[in-house]
C-alpha atoms as a PDB file:
ATOM      1  CA  MET A   1      13.564  14.538  -1.184  1.00  0.00           C
ATOM      2  CA  ASP A   2      12.396  18.140  -0.232  1.00  0.00           C
ATOM      3  CA  ILE A   3       9.480  18.738   2.140  1.00  0.00           C
ATOM      4  CA  HIS A   4       6.916  19.407  -0.709  1.00  0.00           C
ATOM      5  CA  THR A   5       7.543  16.114  -2.638  1.00  0.00           C
ATOM      6  CA  TRP A   6       7.521  14.237   0.602  1.00  0.00           C
ATOM      7  CA  LEU A   7       4.135  15.715   1.874  1.00  0.00           C
ATOM      8  CA  ILE A   8       2.622  14.647  -1.557  1.00  0.00           C
ATOM      9  CA  TYR A   9       4.141  11.110  -1.064  1.00  0.00           C
ATOM     10  CA  LEU A  10       2.607  10.922   2.545  1.00  0.00           C
ATOM     11  CA  LEU A  11      -0.830  11.696   1.050  1.00  0.00           C
ATOM     12  CA  ALA A  12      -0.475   9.272  -1.660  1.00  0.00           C
ATOM     13  CA  ALA A  13       0.856   6.673   0.991  1.00  0.00           C
ATOM     14  CA  ILE A  14      -2.196   7.182   3.016  1.00  0.00           C
ATOM     15  CA  GLY A  15      -4.495   6.836   0.130  1.00  0.00           C
ATOM     16  CA  LEU A  16      -2.698   3.600  -0.683  1.00  0.00           C
ATOM     17  CA  SER A  17      -2.923   2.338   2.845  1.00  0.00           C
ATOM     18  CA  LEU A  18      -6.513   2.999   3.021  1.00  0.00           C
ATOM     19  CA  SER A  19      -7.529   1.588  -0.218  1.00  0.00           C
ATOM     20  CA  PRO A  20      -8.726  -2.137  -0.248  1.00  0.00           C
ATOM     21  CA  GLY A  21      -6.164  -4.832  -0.836  1.00  0.00           C
ATOM     22  CA  PRO A  22      -5.161  -8.286   0.546  1.00  0.00           C
ATOM     23  CA  ASN A  23      -3.183  -7.124   3.374  1.00  0.00           C
ATOM     24  CA  GLY A  24      -5.772  -4.518   4.601  1.00  0.00           C
ATOM     25  CA  LEU A  25      -8.333  -7.233   4.453  1.00  0.00           C
ATOM     26  CA  LEU A  26      -6.057  -9.688   6.326  1.00  0.00           C
ATOM     27  CA  ALA A  27      -5.474  -7.198   9.084  1.00  0.00           C
ATOM     28  CA  LEU A  28      -9.332  -6.696   9.243  1.00  0.00           C
ATOM     29  CA  THR A  29      -9.812 -10.377   9.538  1.00  0.00           C
ATOM     30  CA  HIS A  30      -7.257 -11.067  11.949  1.00  0.00           C
ATOM     31  CA  GLY A  31      -8.259  -8.200  14.091  1.00  0.00           C
ATOM     32  CA  ALA A  32     -11.751  -9.551  14.258  1.00  0.00           C
ATOM     33  CA  LEU A  33     -10.527 -13.158  14.666  1.00  0.00           C
ATOM     34  CA  HIS A  34      -7.597 -12.554  17.171  1.00  0.00           C
ATOM     35  CA  GLY A  35      -7.819  -9.068  18.480  1.00  0.00           C
ATOM     36  CA  GLN A  36      -5.587  -6.023  17.850  1.00  0.00           C
ATOM     37  CA  ARG A  37      -2.614  -7.084  19.798  1.00  0.00           C
ATOM     38  CA  LYS A  38      -2.252 -10.516  17.894  1.00  0.00           C
ATOM     39  CA  ALA A  39      -3.041  -8.717  14.485  1.00  0.00           C
ATOM     40  CA  LEU A  40       0.081  -6.628  15.052  1.00  0.00           C
ATOM     41  CA  TYR A  41       2.201  -9.610  13.971  1.00  0.00           C
ATOM     42  CA  THR A  42       0.208  -9.905  10.942  1.00  0.00           C
ATOM     43  CA  ILE A  43       0.612  -6.091  10.111  1.00  0.00           C
ATOM     44  CA  SER A  44       4.373  -6.061  10.994  1.00  0.00           C
ATOM     45  CA  GLY A  45       4.909  -8.901   8.474  1.00  0.00           C
ATOM     46  CA  GLY A  46       3.057  -7.206   5.750  1.00  0.00           C
ATOM     47  CA  ALA A  47       5.074  -3.921   6.462  1.00  0.00           C
ATOM     48  CA  LEU A  48       8.079  -5.728   6.229  1.00  0.00           C
ATOM     49  CA  GLY A  49       7.018  -7.234   2.789  1.00  0.00           C
ATOM     50  CA  PHE A  50       6.240  -3.851   1.424  1.00  0.00           C
ATOM     51  CA  VAL A  51       9.670  -2.687   2.464  1.00  0.00           C
ATOM     52  CA  VAL A  52      11.270  -5.390   0.195  1.00  0.00           C
ATOM     53  CA  LEU A  53       9.025  -4.765  -2.549  1.00  0.00           C
ATOM     54  CA  ILE A  54       9.960  -1.068  -2.290  1.00  0.00           C
ATOM     55  CA  ALA A  55      13.621  -1.865  -2.479  1.00  0.00           C
ATOM     56  CA  LEU A  56      13.180  -4.346  -5.608  1.00  0.00           C
ATOM     57  CA  SER A  57      11.294  -1.424  -7.120  1.00  0.00           C
ATOM     58  CA  MET A  58      13.535   1.377  -6.447  1.00  0.00           C
ATOM     59  CA  PHE A  59      16.844  -0.416  -7.118  1.00  0.00           C
ATOM     60  CA  GLY A  60      15.599  -1.806 -10.126  1.00  0.00           C
ATOM     61  CA  ILE A  61      14.568   1.738 -11.412  1.00  0.00           C
ATOM     62  CA  GLY A  62      18.035   2.843 -10.182  1.00  0.00           C
ATOM     63  CA  ALA A  63      19.614   0.463 -12.746  1.00  0.00           C
ATOM     64  CA  LEU A  64      17.577   1.971 -15.477  1.00  0.00           C
ATOM     65  CA  LEU A  65      18.510   5.516 -14.403  1.00  0.00           C
ATOM     66  CA  GLN A  66      22.280   4.737 -14.829  1.00  0.00           C
ATOM     67  CA  ALA A  67      21.390   3.518 -18.355  1.00  0.00           C
ATOM     68  CA  SER A  68      19.610   6.876 -19.322  1.00  0.00           C
ATOM     69  CA  LEU A  69      17.663   9.388 -17.529  1.00  0.00           C
ATOM     70  CA  ALA A  70      15.182   9.383 -20.333  1.00  0.00           C
ATOM     71  CA  TRP A  71      13.941   6.065 -18.725  1.00  0.00           C
ATOM     72  CA  LEU A  72      12.478   7.790 -15.695  1.00  0.00           C
ATOM     73  CA  THR A  73      10.238  10.108 -17.787  1.00  0.00           C
ATOM     74  CA  VAL A  74       9.157   6.867 -19.600  1.00  0.00           C
ATOM     75  CA  MET A  75       8.384   5.004 -16.268  1.00  0.00           C
ATOM     76  CA  LYS A  76       6.629   8.202 -15.262  1.00  0.00           C
ATOM     77  CA  TRP A  77       4.096   8.160 -17.974  1.00  0.00           C
ATOM     78  CA  VAL A  78       3.785   4.564 -17.973  1.00  0.00           C
ATOM     79  CA  GLY A  79       3.347   4.396 -14.233  1.00  0.00           C
ATOM     80  CA  GLY A  80       0.832   7.252 -14.422  1.00  0.00           C
ATOM     81  CA  GLY A  81      -1.251   5.178 -16.870  1.00  0.00           C
ATOM     82  CA  TYR A  82      -1.268   2.205 -14.611  1.00  0.00           C
ATOM     83  CA  LEU A  83      -2.278   4.229 -11.478  1.00  0.00           C
ATOM     84  CA  VAL A  84      -5.340   5.364 -13.607  1.00  0.00           C
ATOM     85  CA  TRP A  85      -6.068   1.833 -14.525  1.00  0.00           C
ATOM     86  CA  LEU A  86      -5.658   0.716 -10.859  1.00  0.00           C
ATOM     87  CA  GLY A  87      -8.074   3.424  -9.833  1.00  0.00           C
ATOM     88  CA  ILE A  88     -10.722   2.355 -12.312  1.00  0.00           C
ATOM     89  CA  GLN A  89     -10.522  -1.100 -10.883  1.00  0.00           C
ATOM     90  CA  VAL A  90     -10.602   0.010  -7.283  1.00  0.00           C
ATOM     91  CA  TRP A  91     -13.571   2.387  -8.103  1.00  0.00           C
ATOM     92  CA  ARG A  92     -15.357  -0.793  -9.388  1.00  0.00           C
ATOM     93  CA  ALA A  93     -14.496  -3.327  -6.790  1.00  0.00           C
ATOM     94  CA  PRO A  94     -17.301  -4.682  -4.641  1.00  0.00           C
ATOM     95  CA  PRO A  95     -17.442  -3.599  -0.852  1.00  0.00           C
ATOM     96  CA  ILE A  96     -15.657  -5.748   1.451  1.00  0.00           C
ATOM     97  CA  GLY A  97     -16.796  -6.948   5.018  1.00  0.00           C
ATOM     98  CA  ILE A  98     -16.421 -10.094   7.150  1.00  0.00           C
ATOM     99  CA  ASP A  99     -18.597 -12.061   9.725  1.00  0.00           C
ATOM    100  CA  VAL A 100     -16.818 -13.907  12.198  1.00  0.00           C
ATOM    101  CA  ASP A 101     -17.429 -16.093  15.355  1.00  0.00           C
ATOM    102  CA  ARG A 102     -14.345 -15.543  17.646  1.00  0.00           C
ATOM    103  CA  ALA A 103     -15.252 -18.119  19.892  1.00  0.00           C
ATOM    104  CA  ALA A 104     -15.033 -20.847  17.212  1.00  0.00           C
ATOM    105  CA  VAL A 105     -11.388 -19.754  15.895  1.00  0.00           C
ATOM    106  CA  ALA A 106      -8.553 -21.824  16.985  1.00  0.00           C
ATOM    107  CA  PRO A 107      -5.622 -19.645  18.431  1.00  0.00           C
ATOM    108  CA  ARG A 108      -2.683 -18.961  16.167  1.00  0.00           C
ATOM    109  CA  GLY A 109       0.682 -18.123  17.010  1.00  0.00           C
ATOM    110  CA  GLY A 110       2.421 -14.618  16.520  1.00  0.00           C
ATOM    111  CA  GLY A 111       5.141 -16.258  13.895  1.00  0.00           C
ATOM    112  CA  SER A 112       2.621 -17.957  11.809  1.00  0.00           C
ATOM    113  CA  MET A 113       0.720 -14.766  11.663  1.00  0.00           C
ATOM    114  CA  PHE A 114       3.684 -12.625  10.888  1.00  0.00           C
ATOM    115  CA  ARG A 115       4.644 -14.881   8.044  1.00  0.00           C
ATOM    116  CA  GLN A 116       1.218 -14.816   6.544  1.00  0.00           C
ATOM    117  CA  GLY A 117       1.193 -10.977   6.622  1.00  0.00           C
ATOM    118  CA  LEU A 118       4.771 -11.103   5.001  1.00  0.00           C
ATOM    119  CA  LEU A 119       3.667 -13.463   2.277  1.00  0.00           C
ATOM    120  CA  SER A 120       0.559 -11.806   1.434  1.00  0.00           C
ATOM    121  CA  ALA A 121       2.515  -8.742   0.564  1.00  0.00           C
ATOM    122  CA  LEU A 122       5.510 -10.401  -1.210  1.00  0.00           C
ATOM    123  CA  THR A 123       3.328 -12.856  -3.253  1.00  0.00           C
ATOM    124  CA  ASN A 124       1.116  -9.954  -4.295  1.00  0.00           C
ATOM    125  CA  PRO A 125       2.277  -9.039  -7.971  1.00  0.00           C
ATOM    126  CA  LYS A 126      -0.047  -6.146  -8.253  1.00  0.00           C
ATOM    127  CA  ALA A 127       1.882  -4.595  -5.243  1.00  0.00           C
ATOM    128  CA  LEU A 128       5.125  -4.822  -7.110  1.00  0.00           C
ATOM    129  CA  LEU A 129       3.686  -3.515 -10.228  1.00  0.00           C
ATOM    130  CA  PHE A 130       2.035  -0.605  -8.292  1.00  0.00           C
ATOM    131  CA  PHE A 131       5.415   0.503  -6.479  1.00  0.00           C
ATOM    132  CA  ALA A 132       7.131   0.379 -10.030  1.00  0.00           C
ATOM    133  CA  ALA A 133       4.603   2.754 -11.134  1.00  0.00           C
ATOM    134  CA  PHE A 134       4.270   4.802  -7.934  1.00  0.00           C
ATOM    135  CA  LEU A 135       7.854   5.472  -6.869  1.00  0.00           C
ATOM    136  CA  PRO A 136       9.300   6.901 -10.265  1.00  0.00           C
ATOM    137  CA  GLN A 137       6.940   9.822  -9.462  1.00  0.00           C
ATOM    138  CA  PHE A 138       8.963  10.756  -6.433  1.00  0.00           C
ATOM    139  CA  ILE A 139      12.482  10.013  -7.276  1.00  0.00           C
ATOM    140  CA  ASP A 140      15.361  12.710  -7.797  1.00  0.00           C
ATOM    141  CA  PRO A 141      17.967  11.291  -9.927  1.00  0.00           C
ATOM    142  CA  ALA A 142      20.329  14.186  -8.695  1.00  0.00           C
ATOM    143  CA  ARG A 143      20.043  12.792  -5.131  1.00  0.00           C
ATOM    144  CA  GLY A 144      21.284   9.371  -3.644  1.00  0.00           C
ATOM    145  CA  LEU A 145      19.004   6.537  -3.945  1.00  0.00           C
ATOM    146  CA  VAL A 146      19.801   4.867  -0.766  1.00  0.00           C
ATOM    147  CA  LEU A 147      18.496   7.810   1.271  1.00  0.00           C
ATOM    148  CA  GLN A 148      15.411   8.254  -0.699  1.00  0.00           C
ATOM    149  CA  PHE A 149      14.719   4.664  -0.172  1.00  0.00           C
ATOM    150  CA  ALA A 150      15.041   5.012   3.487  1.00  0.00           C
ATOM    151  CA  VAL A 151      12.708   7.915   3.565  1.00  0.00           C
ATOM    152  CA  MET A 152      10.207   6.438   1.189  1.00  0.00           C
ATOM    153  CA  ALA A 153      10.262   2.897   2.910  1.00  0.00           C
ATOM    154  CA  GLY A 154      10.233   4.334   6.259  1.00  0.00           C
ATOM    155  CA  THR A 155       7.407   6.617   5.514  1.00  0.00           C
ATOM    156  CA  PHE A 156       5.306   3.997   3.884  1.00  0.00           C
ATOM    157  CA  ALA A 157       5.952   1.405   6.691  1.00  0.00           C
ATOM    158  CA  VAL A 158       4.868   3.781   9.483  1.00  0.00           C
ATOM    159  CA  ILE A 159       1.518   4.802   7.545  1.00  0.00           C
ATOM    160  CA  GLU A 160       0.943   0.954   6.729  1.00  0.00           C
ATOM    161  CA  ILE A 161       1.160  -0.089  10.085  1.00  0.00           C
ATOM    162  CA  ALA A 162      -0.621   2.694  11.669  1.00  0.00           C
ATOM    163  CA  THR A 163      -3.612   2.423   9.177  1.00  0.00           C
ATOM    164  CA  GLU A 164      -3.844  -1.476   9.595  1.00  0.00           C
ATOM    165  CA  LEU A 165      -3.377  -1.451  13.214  1.00  0.00           C
ATOM    166  CA  MET A 166      -6.448   0.924  13.261  1.00  0.00           C
ATOM    167  CA  ILE A 167      -8.620  -1.172  10.872  1.00  0.00           C
ATOM    168  CA  ALA A 168      -7.672  -4.330  13.135  1.00  0.00           C
ATOM    169  CA  SER A 169      -8.494  -2.370  16.398  1.00  0.00           C
ATOM    170  CA  LEU A 170     -11.804  -1.635  15.088  1.00  0.00           C
ATOM    171  CA  ALA A 171     -12.549  -4.565  13.022  1.00  0.00           C
ATOM    172  CA  GLN A 172     -15.708  -5.592  14.525  1.00  0.00           C
ATOM    173  CA  ARG A 173     -17.018  -1.833  14.143  1.00  0.00           C
ATOM    174  CA  ILE A 174     -16.123  -1.014  10.777  1.00  0.00           C
ATOM    175  CA  SER A 175     -16.924  -4.372   8.900  1.00  0.00           C
ATOM    176  CA  PRO A 176     -20.715  -3.663   9.022  1.00  0.00           C
ATOM    177  CA  TRP A 177     -19.809  -0.001   7.884  1.00  0.00           C
ATOM    178  CA  LEU A 178     -17.803  -1.282   5.024  1.00  0.00           C
ATOM    179  CA  ARG A 179     -20.592  -3.397   3.770  1.00  0.00           C
ATOM    180  CA  ARG A 180     -23.109  -0.420   4.077  1.00  0.00           C
ATOM    181  CA  VAL A 181     -20.869   2.373   2.449  1.00  0.00           C
ATOM    182  CA  GLY A 182     -17.930   0.329   1.173  1.00  0.00           C
ATOM    183  CA  ARG A 183     -18.829   1.021  -2.651  1.00  0.00           C
ATOM    184  CA  ARG A 184     -18.393   4.790  -1.861  1.00  0.00           C
ATOM    185  CA  PHE A 185     -15.449   4.276   0.146  1.00  0.00           C
ATOM    186  CA  ASN A 186     -13.899   2.339  -3.024  1.00  0.00           C
ATOM    187  CA  GLN A 187     -14.841   5.122  -5.308  1.00  0.00           C
ATOM    188  CA  ALA A 188     -13.209   7.685  -3.111  1.00  0.00           C
ATOM    189  CA  CYS A 189      -9.949   5.669  -3.090  1.00  0.00           C
ATOM    190  CA  GLY A 190     -10.182   4.907  -6.829  1.00  0.00           C
ATOM    191  CA  GLY A 191     -10.557   8.501  -7.347  1.00  0.00           C
ATOM    192  CA  ILE A 192      -7.361   9.413  -5.601  1.00  0.00           C
ATOM    193  CA  PHE A 193      -5.479   6.980  -7.635  1.00  0.00           C
ATOM    194  CA  VAL A 194      -6.677   8.422 -10.849  1.00  0.00           C
ATOM    195  CA  VAL A 195      -5.927  12.161  -9.776  1.00  0.00           C
ATOM    196  CA  ILE A 196      -2.389  10.740  -8.680  1.00  0.00           C
ATOM    197  CA  GLY A 197      -2.030   8.946 -11.938  1.00  0.00           C
ATOM    198  CA  VAL A 198      -3.000  12.093 -14.006  1.00  0.00           C
ATOM    199  CA  ALA A 199      -1.268  14.819 -11.982  1.00  0.00           C
ATOM    200  CA  LEU A 200       2.052  13.465 -10.896  1.00  0.00           C
ATOM    201  CA  PRO A 201       3.682  12.799 -14.472  1.00  0.00           C
ATOM    202  CA  LEU A 202       2.813  16.464 -15.221  1.00  0.00           C
ATOM    203  CA  ARG A 203       4.730  17.679 -12.275  1.00  0.00           C
ATOM    204  CA  SER A 204       8.056  17.967 -13.811  1.00  0.00           C
END
């Protein structure tokens, strides 16, 4: 992956990490309930789950590429359409926010929180569909798939952990803000997905 493509992927990954989703909401909730340090277990589990989904998506795509390179073009256009549809759904989503009483919350073990983050990512069919639509835009069929997987999965995992850790650490402060301006925030994230869905299939 050349640096130009990687920078586009990096921006797209940041947009995805900031958009509303089950793992972001889980990080927000666990940050408010258990604090930033304990929420890191949840966040790490979610990041591992996303790496697994990226692997399933990329190596499934790789099997199709071995059959015919035409499949990559088809997947780019189908994936672009899905990203546009997803952007519209995010645009229309209601704002999120939480109200918690930490004194009334029973303590939880790190292993339990890690598993919850992991399962939240792995059992989200929309995440697998998203990666199947998103990743073909950046795959170079002339280069090794394993190295591209390492770059894409590693980049996404780092961005996801950093973003959700920030969300968890600011949970008490940003929850009222999300309720107040959350709809505009969703519209901004949804707009990013629409732009990506339209622009990326046209790149090559």
